[in-house]
Amino acid sequence: MTCFFCKIAEGKMETDKVYEDERVIAFNDINPQAPTHILIIPKKHISTLNDLEPEDTALIGELLLVAKNIASKLGFSDDGFRTVFNCNVHGGQSVYHLHLHLLGGRQMGWPPG
């Protein structure tokens, strides 16, 4: 069975897309936790951070560069933003396709959990 995010990456499911290239897609989270809450995913299925392989290093870097560029484009990079990877149940992961949360548009609290 194809995962929910794979369906989005394959164009089989509509989403509120904000960015796409050949390896990455970014879209608005359906349950936002900040004024801007975007999920950035690799099109390659990787279940969790624990499943990363050395050959995924550049891809993970691309996710972070996409986050930086979106924050700049949307005008909140100078004020600041948060990026988060959740891993497995105790880390708060609910969809098992690696995804980077980009949150911005408000002051973030600490600690986050």
Protein backbone atom coordinates (compact mmCIF):
# COMPACT_ATOMS: atom_id res chain seq x y z
CA MET A 1 0.00 0.00 0.00
CA THR A 2 1.36 3.40 -0.98
CA CYS A 3 1.67 5.88 1.87
CA PHE A 4 -0.32 9.12 2.00
CA PHE A 5 2.73 11.33 1.31
CA CYS A 6 3.87 9.08 -1.56
CA LYS A 7 0.48 9.68 -3.19
CA ILE A 8 1.05 13.43 -2.88
CA ALA A 9 4.60 13.12 -4.26
CA GLU A 10 3.31 11.05 -7.21
CA GLY A 11 0.61 13.64 -8.00
CA LYS A 12 -2.17 11.16 -7.19
CA MET A 13 -3.57 13.31 -4.38
CA GLU A 14 -4.27 17.02 -4.38
CA THR A 15 -2.56 19.26 -1.85
CA ASP A 16 -1.97 22.94 -1.23
CA LYS A 17 1.50 22.82 -2.83
CA VAL A 18 3.96 25.66 -2.26
CA TYR A 19 7.05 24.16 -3.92
CA GLU A 20 8.06 21.24 -6.13
CA ASP A 21 11.11 20.05 -8.00
CA GLU A 22 12.28 16.64 -9.22
CA ARG A 23 13.21 15.38 -5.71
CA VAL A 24 11.23 17.45 -3.20
CA ILE A 25 7.69 18.69 -2.69
CA ALA A 26 6.39 21.13 -0.07
CA PHE A 27 2.80 21.79 0.92
CA ASN A 28 0.76 23.45 3.65
CA ASP A 29 0.05 21.28 6.69
CA ILE A 30 -3.65 20.46 7.09
CA ASN A 31 -3.32 20.93 10.88
CA PRO A 32 -1.14 24.06 11.19
CA GLN A 33 0.63 24.79 14.46
CA ALA A 34 1.78 28.27 13.39
CA PRO A 35 0.58 30.94 10.94
CA THR A 36 2.83 29.23 8.38
CA HIS A 37 3.24 25.46 8.73
CA ILE A 38 4.63 23.72 5.66
CA LEU A 39 5.66 20.09 5.27
CA ILE A 40 8.68 19.44 3.07
CA ILE A 41 9.09 15.86 1.91
CA PRO A 42 11.42 13.93 -0.33
CA LYS A 43 9.67 12.24 -3.23
CA LYS A 44 11.70 9.16 -2.36
CA HIS A 45 9.98 7.16 0.35
CA ILE A 46 12.03 7.10 3.55
CA SER A 47 9.95 6.04 6.56
CA THR A 48 11.86 7.70 9.42
CA LEU A 49 15.14 9.40 10.23
CA ASN A 50 16.30 5.97 11.42
CA ASP A 51 15.97 4.72 7.83
CA LEU A 52 18.35 7.26 6.30
CA GLU A 53 21.30 5.88 4.37
CA PRO A 54 24.56 7.67 3.50
CA GLU A 55 23.32 8.20 -0.06
CA ASP A 56 20.43 10.30 1.37
CA THR A 57 22.76 12.97 2.75
CA ALA A 58 22.35 15.40 -0.16
CA LEU A 59 18.59 14.87 -0.23
CA ILE A 60 18.25 15.84 3.45
CA GLY A 61 20.35 18.93 2.76
CA GLU A 62 17.97 19.82 -0.07
CA LEU A 63 15.00 19.66 2.32
CA LEU A 64 16.70 22.21 4.57
CA LEU A 65 17.60 24.50 1.66
CA VAL A 66 13.99 24.37 0.46
CA ALA A 67 12.87 25.35 3.97
CA LYS A 68 15.27 28.31 4.00
CA ASN A 69 14.14 29.44 0.55
CA ILE A 70 10.43 29.17 1.37
CA ALA A 71 10.92 31.13 4.61
CA SER A 72 12.71 33.84 2.64
CA LYS A 73 10.10 33.90 -0.12
CA LEU A 74 7.25 34.16 2.40
CA GLY A 75 9.02 36.95 4.29
CA PHE A 76 9.70 35.47 7.72
CA SER A 77 13.31 34.31 7.40
CA ASP A 78 14.72 37.44 9.08
CA ASP A 79 12.33 37.17 12.06
CA GLY A 80 13.11 33.48 12.39
CA PHE A 81 11.48 30.12 11.95
CA ARG A 82 11.63 26.56 13.23
CA THR A 83 12.35 23.33 11.39
CA VAL A 84 11.49 19.97 12.92
CA PHE A 85 11.89 16.32 12.00
CA ASN A 86 9.83 13.97 14.18
CA CYS A 87 10.96 10.34 14.48
CA ASN A 88 8.73 7.47 15.53
CA VAL A 89 5.98 7.45 18.17
CA HIS A 90 7.80 9.14 21.05
CA GLY A 91 9.13 11.77 18.66
CA GLY A 92 5.60 12.65 17.55
CA GLN A 93 5.74 11.16 14.05
CA SER A 94 2.27 10.31 12.73
CA VAL A 95 2.95 9.82 9.01
CA TYR A 96 5.74 7.36 8.24
CA HIS A 97 7.27 9.18 5.30
CA LEU A 98 10.11 11.45 6.35
CA HIS A 99 8.99 15.08 6.44
CA LEU A 100 10.43 18.36 7.63
CA HIS A 101 8.09 20.80 9.36
CA LEU A 102 8.70 24.48 8.58
CA LEU A 103 6.95 26.72 11.10
CA GLY A 104 6.98 30.51 11.04
CA GLY A 105 5.01 33.68 11.48
CA ARG A 106 5.03 33.78 15.28
CA GLN A 107 7.39 33.59 18.26
CA MET A 108 8.22 29.96 19.05
CA GLY A 109 8.36 28.78 22.65
CA TRP A 110 11.02 26.64 24.29
CA PRO A 111 11.08 23.88 25.22
CA PRO A 112 8.90 22.77 22.32
CA GLY A 113 7.60 19.48 23.79
